[in-house]
Amino acid sequence: MLYRSENSTLPPSQNPIPERERIKKNRVSLREESDKPNGGQPGHKGGTLKRMDNVQERILVYPDKELSADSEDTSDVTCPNCGKPIPRSLFDEDKLRQLIDLKDKIDAHVQDSVLMKATCLHCGIEVSGKFGPYTQGNVNYGPHLQAL
């Protein structure tokens, strides 16, 4: 009886175990053998997205919220360790990531997100914000641009 899922609607997980092993053994790689190590090779210049200069918006990322750079919010941040207040004026710029996305019209909107950090005056712990899901690398494409 033919149980192979390679040419049927039967999913591979439904193959009997000996059949799965036989299929694995028969697989042949089409890549040629090489003495080079896996990964990037010495001398190869890597590439990454470059930061843009025409930034339309600057967001400061605090532990409790994100604020526009021109925001007048001076409320204190609560230390997650001891619960005491940390004035926003104590926070310094730590890391910067850039998000390039589309806004209302087909025009790139470049936003700098600046991670803010400070040291709690009461317990000495370093407190900082966290970047959002679309700002995981140094330069990122936003959800609208990714959708294209």
N, C-alpha and C. Protein backbone atom coordinates (compact mmCIF):
# COMPACT_ATOMS: atom_id res chain seq x y z
N MET A 1 0.84 -1.18 0.00
CA MET A 1 0.00 0.00 0.00
C MET A 1 0.89 1.24 0.00
N LEU A 2 0.56 2.22 -0.80
CA LEU A 2 1.34 3.44 -0.94
C LEU A 2 0.89 4.45 0.12
N TYR A 3 1.82 4.80 1.03
CA TYR A 3 1.51 5.76 2.08
C TYR A 3 2.19 7.09 1.85
N ARG A 4 2.98 7.21 0.83
CA ARG A 4 3.80 8.41 0.64
C ARG A 4 2.94 9.65 0.46
N SER A 5 3.31 10.69 1.17
CA SER A 5 2.56 11.93 1.07
C SER A 5 3.15 12.85 0.02
N GLU A 6 4.27 12.44 -0.60
CA GLU A 6 4.92 13.30 -1.58
C GLU A 6 4.02 13.56 -2.79
N ASN A 7 3.18 12.60 -3.16
CA ASN A 7 2.34 12.74 -4.34
C ASN A 7 0.86 12.58 -4.00
N SER A 8 0.49 12.89 -2.79
CA SER A 8 -0.91 12.71 -2.44
C SER A 8 -1.37 13.85 -1.55
N THR A 9 -2.60 13.79 -1.16
CA THR A 9 -3.14 14.81 -0.27
C THR A 9 -2.86 14.47 1.19
N LEU A 10 -2.21 13.34 1.42
CA LEU A 10 -1.88 12.93 2.79
C LEU A 10 -0.75 13.80 3.31
N PRO A 11 -0.91 14.46 4.47
CA PRO A 11 0.17 15.29 4.99
C PRO A 11 1.36 14.44 5.43
N PRO A 12 2.57 15.00 5.39
CA PRO A 12 3.76 14.25 5.77
C PRO A 12 3.69 13.69 7.19
N SER A 13 2.99 14.39 8.08
CA SER A 13 2.89 13.90 9.46
C SER A 13 2.11 12.60 9.55
N GLN A 14 1.35 12.26 8.50
CA GLN A 14 0.57 11.02 8.51
C GLN A 14 1.36 9.83 7.96
N ASN A 15 2.56 10.07 7.46
CA ASN A 15 3.39 8.97 6.97
C ASN A 15 3.74 8.04 8.12
N PRO A 16 3.75 6.73 7.88
CA PRO A 16 4.25 5.83 8.92
C PRO A 16 5.72 6.15 9.17
N ILE A 17 6.20 5.93 10.39
CA ILE A 17 7.57 6.32 10.77
C ILE A 17 8.62 5.73 9.82
N PRO A 18 8.60 4.43 9.48
CA PRO A 18 9.63 3.93 8.57
C PRO A 18 9.61 4.65 7.22
N GLU A 19 8.44 5.02 6.76
CA GLU A 19 8.32 5.71 5.48
C GLU A 19 8.94 7.10 5.57
N ARG A 20 8.72 7.79 6.71
CA ARG A 20 9.31 9.12 6.92
C ARG A 20 10.83 9.03 6.88
N GLU A 21 11.38 8.04 7.53
CA GLU A 21 12.84 7.87 7.57
C GLU A 21 13.39 7.59 6.17
N ARG A 22 12.69 6.75 5.40
CA ARG A 22 13.14 6.43 4.06
C ARG A 22 13.13 7.68 3.18
N ILE A 23 12.10 8.51 3.31
CA ILE A 23 12.01 9.72 2.51
C ILE A 23 13.16 10.67 2.88
N LYS A 24 13.45 10.78 4.18
CA LYS A 24 14.55 11.65 4.62
C LYS A 24 15.88 11.18 4.05
N LYS A 25 16.10 9.86 4.04
CA LYS A 25 17.37 9.31 3.55
C LYS A 25 17.54 9.54 2.05
N ASN A 26 16.43 9.58 1.31
CA ASN A 26 16.50 9.74 -0.14
C ASN A 26 16.67 11.19 -0.59
N ARG A 27 16.57 12.11 0.33
CA ARG A 27 16.72 13.51 -0.04
C ARG A 27 18.18 13.80 -0.35
N VAL A 28 18.39 14.51 -1.44
CA VAL A 28 19.76 14.82 -1.86
C VAL A 28 19.87 16.34 -2.03
N SER A 29 20.89 16.91 -1.45
CA SER A 29 21.11 18.35 -1.58
C SER A 29 21.68 18.65 -2.96
N LEU A 30 21.21 19.73 -3.55
CA LEU A 30 21.71 20.15 -4.86
C LEU A 30 22.90 21.11 -4.73
N ARG A 31 23.23 21.48 -3.49
CA ARG A 31 24.36 22.39 -3.28
C ARG A 31 25.66 21.63 -3.37
N GLU A 32 26.65 22.30 -3.94
CA GLU A 32 27.97 21.68 -4.05
C GLU A 32 28.70 21.80 -2.71
N GLU A 33 29.53 20.80 -2.41
CA GLU A 33 30.34 20.83 -1.20
C GLU A 33 31.31 22.00 -1.27
N SER A 34 31.59 22.62 -0.13
CA SER A 34 32.51 23.74 -0.07
C SER A 34 33.32 23.66 1.21
N ASP A 35 34.54 24.17 1.17
CA ASP A 35 35.35 24.18 2.38
C ASP A 35 35.16 25.48 3.15
N LYS A 36 34.29 26.37 2.65
CA LYS A 36 34.04 27.64 3.33
C LYS A 36 33.10 27.42 4.51
N PRO A 37 33.27 28.22 5.58
CA PRO A 37 32.36 28.10 6.72
C PRO A 37 30.99 28.70 6.39
N ASN A 38 29.98 28.30 7.15
CA ASN A 38 28.64 28.86 6.97
C ASN A 38 28.65 30.34 7.33
N GLY A 39 27.69 31.09 6.81
CA GLY A 39 27.53 32.50 7.16
C GLY A 39 28.29 33.43 6.24
N GLY A 40 28.43 34.68 6.70
CA GLY A 40 29.11 35.71 5.92
C GLY A 40 30.57 35.39 5.73
N GLN A 41 31.08 35.64 4.56
CA GLN A 41 32.47 35.33 4.25
C GLN A 41 33.37 36.54 4.51
N PRO A 42 34.62 36.28 4.91
CA PRO A 42 35.56 37.39 5.13
C PRO A 42 35.71 38.22 3.86
N GLY A 43 35.72 39.54 4.03
CA GLY A 43 35.87 40.43 2.89
C GLY A 43 34.56 40.84 2.24
N HIS A 44 33.45 40.15 2.58
CA HIS A 44 32.15 40.52 2.00
C HIS A 44 31.58 41.69 2.77
N LYS A 45 31.29 42.80 2.07
CA LYS A 45 30.74 43.97 2.71
C LYS A 45 29.24 43.76 2.92
N GLY A 46 28.82 43.75 4.17
CA GLY A 46 27.41 43.55 4.48
C GLY A 46 26.60 44.79 4.12
N GLY A 47 25.32 44.63 4.05
CA GLY A 47 24.45 45.76 3.72
C GLY A 47 23.34 45.89 4.75
N THR A 48 22.93 47.11 5.03
CA THR A 48 21.83 47.35 5.95
C THR A 48 21.11 48.62 5.51
N LEU A 49 19.90 48.81 5.99
CA LEU A 49 19.17 50.02 5.66
C LEU A 49 19.90 51.22 6.25
N LYS A 50 19.94 52.30 5.52
CA LYS A 50 20.61 53.52 5.97
C LYS A 50 19.58 54.48 6.56
N ARG A 51 20.00 55.22 7.58
CA ARG A 51 19.13 56.21 8.19
C ARG A 51 18.85 57.34 7.21
N MET A 52 17.65 57.90 7.29
CA MET A 52 17.28 59.03 6.44
C MET A 52 17.43 60.32 7.24
N ASP A 53 17.74 61.41 6.55
CA ASP A 53 17.94 62.69 7.21
C ASP A 53 16.66 63.50 7.37
N ASN A 54 15.72 63.29 6.46
CA ASN A 54 14.49 64.10 6.48
C ASN A 54 13.45 63.52 7.44
N VAL A 55 13.69 63.69 8.73
CA VAL A 55 12.81 63.14 9.77
C VAL A 55 11.66 64.12 10.00
N GLN A 56 10.42 63.63 9.90
CA GLN A 56 9.25 64.48 10.12
C GLN A 56 8.77 64.45 11.57
N GLU A 57 9.13 63.43 12.31
CA GLU A 57 8.60 63.27 13.66
C GLU A 57 9.66 62.66 14.56
N ARG A 58 9.71 63.10 15.80
CA ARG A 58 10.65 62.55 16.78
C ARG A 58 9.84 62.15 18.00
N ILE A 59 9.93 60.88 18.36
CA ILE A 59 9.17 60.32 19.47
C ILE A 59 10.17 59.93 20.57
N LEU A 60 9.88 60.33 21.80
CA LEU A 60 10.70 59.95 22.95
C LEU A 60 10.01 58.79 23.65
N VAL A 61 10.72 57.68 23.79
CA VAL A 61 10.14 56.45 24.33
C VAL A 61 10.56 56.30 25.80
N TYR A 62 9.62 56.57 26.69
CA TYR A 62 9.84 56.44 28.13
C TYR A 62 9.28 55.10 28.60
N PRO A 63 9.58 54.69 29.83
CA PRO A 63 9.05 53.41 30.31
C PRO A 63 7.52 53.38 30.40
N ASP A 64 6.89 54.54 30.63
CA ASP A 64 5.44 54.55 30.83
C ASP A 64 4.65 54.95 29.59
N LYS A 65 5.28 55.69 28.66
CA LYS A 65 4.56 56.11 27.44
C LYS A 65 5.52 56.70 26.43
N GLU A 66 5.02 56.89 25.22
CA GLU A 66 5.78 57.54 24.16
C GLU A 66 5.25 58.97 24.04
N LEU A 67 6.17 59.93 23.96
CA LEU A 67 5.79 61.33 23.85
C LEU A 67 6.43 61.95 22.62
N SER A 68 5.73 62.89 22.01
CA SER A 68 6.32 63.66 20.93
C SER A 68 7.44 64.50 21.53
N ALA A 69 8.50 64.74 20.77
CA ALA A 69 9.65 65.48 21.28
C ALA A 69 9.26 66.89 21.73
N ASP A 70 8.20 67.46 21.15
CA ASP A 70 7.78 68.79 21.56
C ASP A 70 6.66 68.77 22.60
N SER A 71 6.42 67.63 23.23
CA SER A 71 5.38 67.49 24.25
C SER A 71 5.75 68.30 25.48
N GLU A 72 4.75 68.81 26.13
CA GLU A 72 4.95 69.60 27.35
C GLU A 72 4.70 68.75 28.60
N ASP A 73 4.53 67.46 28.44
CA ASP A 73 4.28 66.56 29.57
C ASP A 73 5.52 66.48 30.45
N THR A 74 5.39 66.92 31.70
CA THR A 74 6.52 66.89 32.63
C THR A 74 6.23 65.98 33.82
N SER A 75 5.18 65.16 33.69
CA SER A 75 4.84 64.26 34.80
C SER A 75 5.99 63.29 35.06
N ASP A 76 6.10 62.86 36.30
CA ASP A 76 7.17 61.94 36.68
C ASP A 76 6.88 60.53 36.18
N VAL A 77 7.95 59.76 36.03
CA VAL A 77 7.86 58.35 35.67
C VAL A 77 8.00 57.56 36.97
N THR A 78 7.18 56.55 37.15
CA THR A 78 7.27 55.73 38.35
C THR A 78 8.31 54.63 38.15
N CYS A 79 9.25 54.54 39.08
CA CYS A 79 10.29 53.50 39.00
C CYS A 79 9.64 52.13 39.15
N PRO A 80 9.88 51.21 38.20
CA PRO A 80 9.27 49.89 38.29
C PRO A 80 9.86 49.05 39.41
N ASN A 81 10.99 49.46 39.94
CA ASN A 81 11.65 48.69 41.00
C ASN A 81 11.15 49.10 42.39
N CYS A 82 11.21 50.40 42.69
CA CYS A 82 10.87 50.85 44.04
C CYS A 82 9.57 51.64 44.11
N GLY A 83 9.00 52.04 42.94
CA GLY A 83 7.73 52.75 42.92
C GLY A 83 7.84 54.24 43.18
N LYS A 84 9.05 54.76 43.35
CA LYS A 84 9.24 56.18 43.60
C LYS A 84 9.26 56.94 42.26
N PRO A 85 9.00 58.27 42.30
CA PRO A 85 8.97 59.06 41.06
C PRO A 85 10.37 59.38 40.54
N ILE A 86 10.49 59.37 39.20
CA ILE A 86 11.72 59.80 38.53
C ILE A 86 11.32 60.94 37.60
N PRO A 87 11.86 62.16 37.81
CA PRO A 87 11.51 63.28 36.92
C PRO A 87 11.95 63.00 35.48
N ARG A 88 11.11 63.37 34.51
CA ARG A 88 11.46 63.16 33.10
C ARG A 88 12.74 63.92 32.73
N SER A 89 13.04 64.99 33.45
CA SER A 89 14.23 65.78 33.15
C SER A 89 15.52 64.99 33.41
N LEU A 90 15.44 63.90 34.19
CA LEU A 90 16.63 63.09 34.46
C LEU A 90 16.94 62.11 33.34
N PHE A 91 15.98 61.89 32.44
CA PHE A 91 16.16 60.92 31.37
C PHE A 91 17.07 61.48 30.29
N ASP A 92 17.98 60.65 29.80
CA ASP A 92 18.88 61.00 28.70
C ASP A 92 18.57 60.12 27.51
N GLU A 93 18.94 60.59 26.32
CA GLU A 93 18.78 59.77 25.12
C GLU A 93 19.74 58.60 25.20
N ASP A 94 19.26 57.41 24.89
CA ASP A 94 20.08 56.21 24.98
C ASP A 94 20.33 55.60 23.62
N LYS A 95 19.29 55.13 22.95
CA LYS A 95 19.40 54.49 21.63
C LYS A 95 18.42 55.17 20.69
N LEU A 96 18.68 55.04 19.40
CA LEU A 96 17.80 55.64 18.41
C LEU A 96 17.51 54.62 17.32
N ARG A 97 16.25 54.50 16.95
CA ARG A 97 15.85 53.64 15.84
C ARG A 97 14.93 54.46 14.94
N GLN A 98 14.89 54.09 13.69
CA GLN A 98 14.11 54.86 12.73
C GLN A 98 13.05 53.98 12.10
N LEU A 99 11.86 54.55 11.92
CA LEU A 99 10.74 53.86 11.29
C LEU A 99 10.32 54.65 10.07
N ILE A 100 10.33 53.99 8.92
CA ILE A 100 9.91 54.61 7.67
C ILE A 100 8.59 53.96 7.29
N ASP A 101 7.53 54.76 7.18
CA ASP A 101 6.22 54.21 6.88
C ASP A 101 5.45 55.19 5.99
N LEU A 102 4.30 54.79 5.54
CA LEU A 102 3.43 55.63 4.73
C LEU A 102 2.35 56.23 5.62
N LYS A 103 2.03 57.48 5.39
CA LYS A 103 0.94 58.13 6.12
C LYS A 103 -0.24 58.29 5.17
N ASP A 104 -0.93 59.40 5.24
CA ASP A 104 -2.16 59.60 4.47
C ASP A 104 -1.97 59.50 2.97
N LYS A 105 -0.91 60.05 2.45
CA LYS A 105 -0.67 60.00 1.01
C LYS A 105 0.54 59.11 0.75
N ILE A 106 0.78 58.79 -0.49
CA ILE A 106 1.92 57.95 -0.83
C ILE A 106 3.18 58.80 -0.73
N ASP A 107 3.69 58.90 0.48
CA ASP A 107 4.87 59.70 0.77
C ASP A 107 5.48 59.13 2.04
N ALA A 108 6.74 58.84 1.99
CA ALA A 108 7.38 58.23 3.16
C ALA A 108 7.35 59.19 4.34
N HIS A 109 6.99 58.67 5.48
CA HIS A 109 6.98 59.43 6.73
C HIS A 109 8.07 58.82 7.61
N VAL A 110 9.09 59.59 7.92
CA VAL A 110 10.23 59.08 8.69
C VAL A 110 10.09 59.55 10.13
N GLN A 111 10.12 58.60 11.03
CA GLN A 111 9.95 58.89 12.46
C GLN A 111 11.15 58.34 13.21
N ASP A 112 11.81 59.17 14.00
CA ASP A 112 12.86 58.70 14.89
C ASP A 112 12.23 58.35 16.23
N SER A 113 12.51 57.17 16.74
CA SER A 113 12.08 56.79 18.09
C SER A 113 13.34 56.76 18.95
N VAL A 114 13.35 57.55 19.99
CA VAL A 114 14.52 57.67 20.85
C VAL A 114 14.21 57.03 22.19
N LEU A 115 14.96 56.00 22.53
CA LEU A 115 14.77 55.32 23.81
C LEU A 115 15.37 56.19 24.90
N MET A 116 14.59 56.49 25.91
CA MET A 116 15.03 57.35 27.00
C MET A 116 15.34 56.49 28.22
N LYS A 117 16.44 56.83 28.93
CA LYS A 117 16.78 56.07 30.13
C LYS A 117 17.26 57.02 31.21
N ALA A 118 17.08 56.61 32.47
CA ALA A 118 17.53 57.38 33.62
C ALA A 118 17.82 56.40 34.75
N THR A 119 18.50 56.91 35.77
CA THR A 119 18.77 56.12 36.97
C THR A 119 17.89 56.65 38.09
N CYS A 120 17.18 55.76 38.76
CA CYS A 120 16.30 56.13 39.86
C CYS A 120 17.14 56.71 40.99
N LEU A 121 16.75 57.89 41.47
CA LEU A 121 17.49 58.55 42.55
C LEU A 121 17.36 57.79 43.87
N HIS A 122 16.33 56.97 44.01
CA HIS A 122 16.04 56.31 45.28
C HIS A 122 16.68 54.93 45.41
N CYS A 123 16.61 54.13 44.33
CA CYS A 123 17.13 52.75 44.44
C CYS A 123 18.31 52.49 43.51
N GLY A 124 18.61 53.42 42.60
CA GLY A 124 19.78 53.28 41.74
C GLY A 124 19.60 52.40 40.52
N ILE A 125 18.40 51.88 40.29
CA ILE A 125 18.18 51.02 39.12
C ILE A 125 18.07 51.88 37.87
N GLU A 126 18.57 51.36 36.73
CA GLU A 126 18.45 52.06 35.46
C GLU A 126 17.09 51.74 34.85
N VAL A 127 16.35 52.77 34.48
CA VAL A 127 15.00 52.64 33.96
C VAL A 127 14.99 53.15 32.53
N SER A 128 14.38 52.39 31.60
CA SER A 128 14.30 52.86 30.21
C SER A 128 13.03 52.37 29.56
N GLY A 129 12.68 53.01 28.44
CA GLY A 129 11.51 52.61 27.68
C GLY A 129 11.82 51.38 26.84
N LYS A 130 10.81 50.92 26.09
CA LYS A 130 10.99 49.77 25.20
C LYS A 130 10.46 50.16 23.82
N PHE A 131 11.21 49.80 22.78
CA PHE A 131 10.78 50.09 21.43
C PHE A 131 9.56 49.26 21.07
N GLY A 132 8.73 49.80 20.17
CA GLY A 132 7.52 49.10 19.73
C GLY A 132 7.83 47.96 18.78
N PRO A 133 6.81 47.22 18.36
CA PRO A 133 7.02 46.03 17.53
C PRO A 133 7.59 46.32 16.15
N TYR A 134 7.41 47.53 15.64
CA TYR A 134 7.91 47.83 14.30
C TYR A 134 9.28 48.48 14.33
N THR A 135 9.86 48.68 15.51
CA THR A 135 11.18 49.30 15.61
C THR A 135 12.15 48.36 16.31
N GLN A 136 12.37 47.21 15.70
CA GLN A 136 13.27 46.22 16.30
C GLN A 136 14.70 46.36 15.79
N GLY A 137 14.89 46.88 14.59
CA GLY A 137 16.22 47.10 14.05
C GLY A 137 16.54 48.58 14.05
N ASN A 138 17.71 48.95 13.56
CA ASN A 138 18.09 50.36 13.54
C ASN A 138 17.23 51.19 12.61
N VAL A 139 16.94 50.66 11.42
CA VAL A 139 16.05 51.32 10.47
C VAL A 139 15.02 50.29 10.06
N ASN A 140 13.75 50.66 10.09
CA ASN A 140 12.66 49.70 9.90
C ASN A 140 11.63 50.24 8.93
N TYR A 141 10.88 49.35 8.29
CA TYR A 141 9.73 49.73 7.49
C TYR A 141 8.49 49.48 8.32
N GLY A 142 7.57 50.45 8.32
CA GLY A 142 6.35 50.35 9.09
C GLY A 142 5.34 49.41 8.45
N PRO A 143 4.21 49.18 9.14
CA PRO A 143 3.24 48.21 8.66
C PRO A 143 2.60 48.58 7.33
N HIS A 144 2.40 49.87 7.07
CA HIS A 144 1.78 50.27 5.80
C HIS A 144 2.72 50.03 4.62
N LEU A 145 3.99 50.32 4.84
CA LEU A 145 4.98 50.11 3.78
C LEU A 145 5.23 48.61 3.57
N GLN A 146 5.22 47.83 4.66
CA GLN A 146 5.37 46.39 4.54
C GLN A 146 4.23 45.77 3.76
N ALA A 147 3.04 46.33 3.92
CA ALA A 147 1.86 45.78 3.25
C ALA A 147 1.95 45.91 1.73
N LEU A 148 2.71 46.91 1.27
CA LEU A 148 2.88 47.06 -0.18
C LEU A 148 3.69 45.92 -0.71
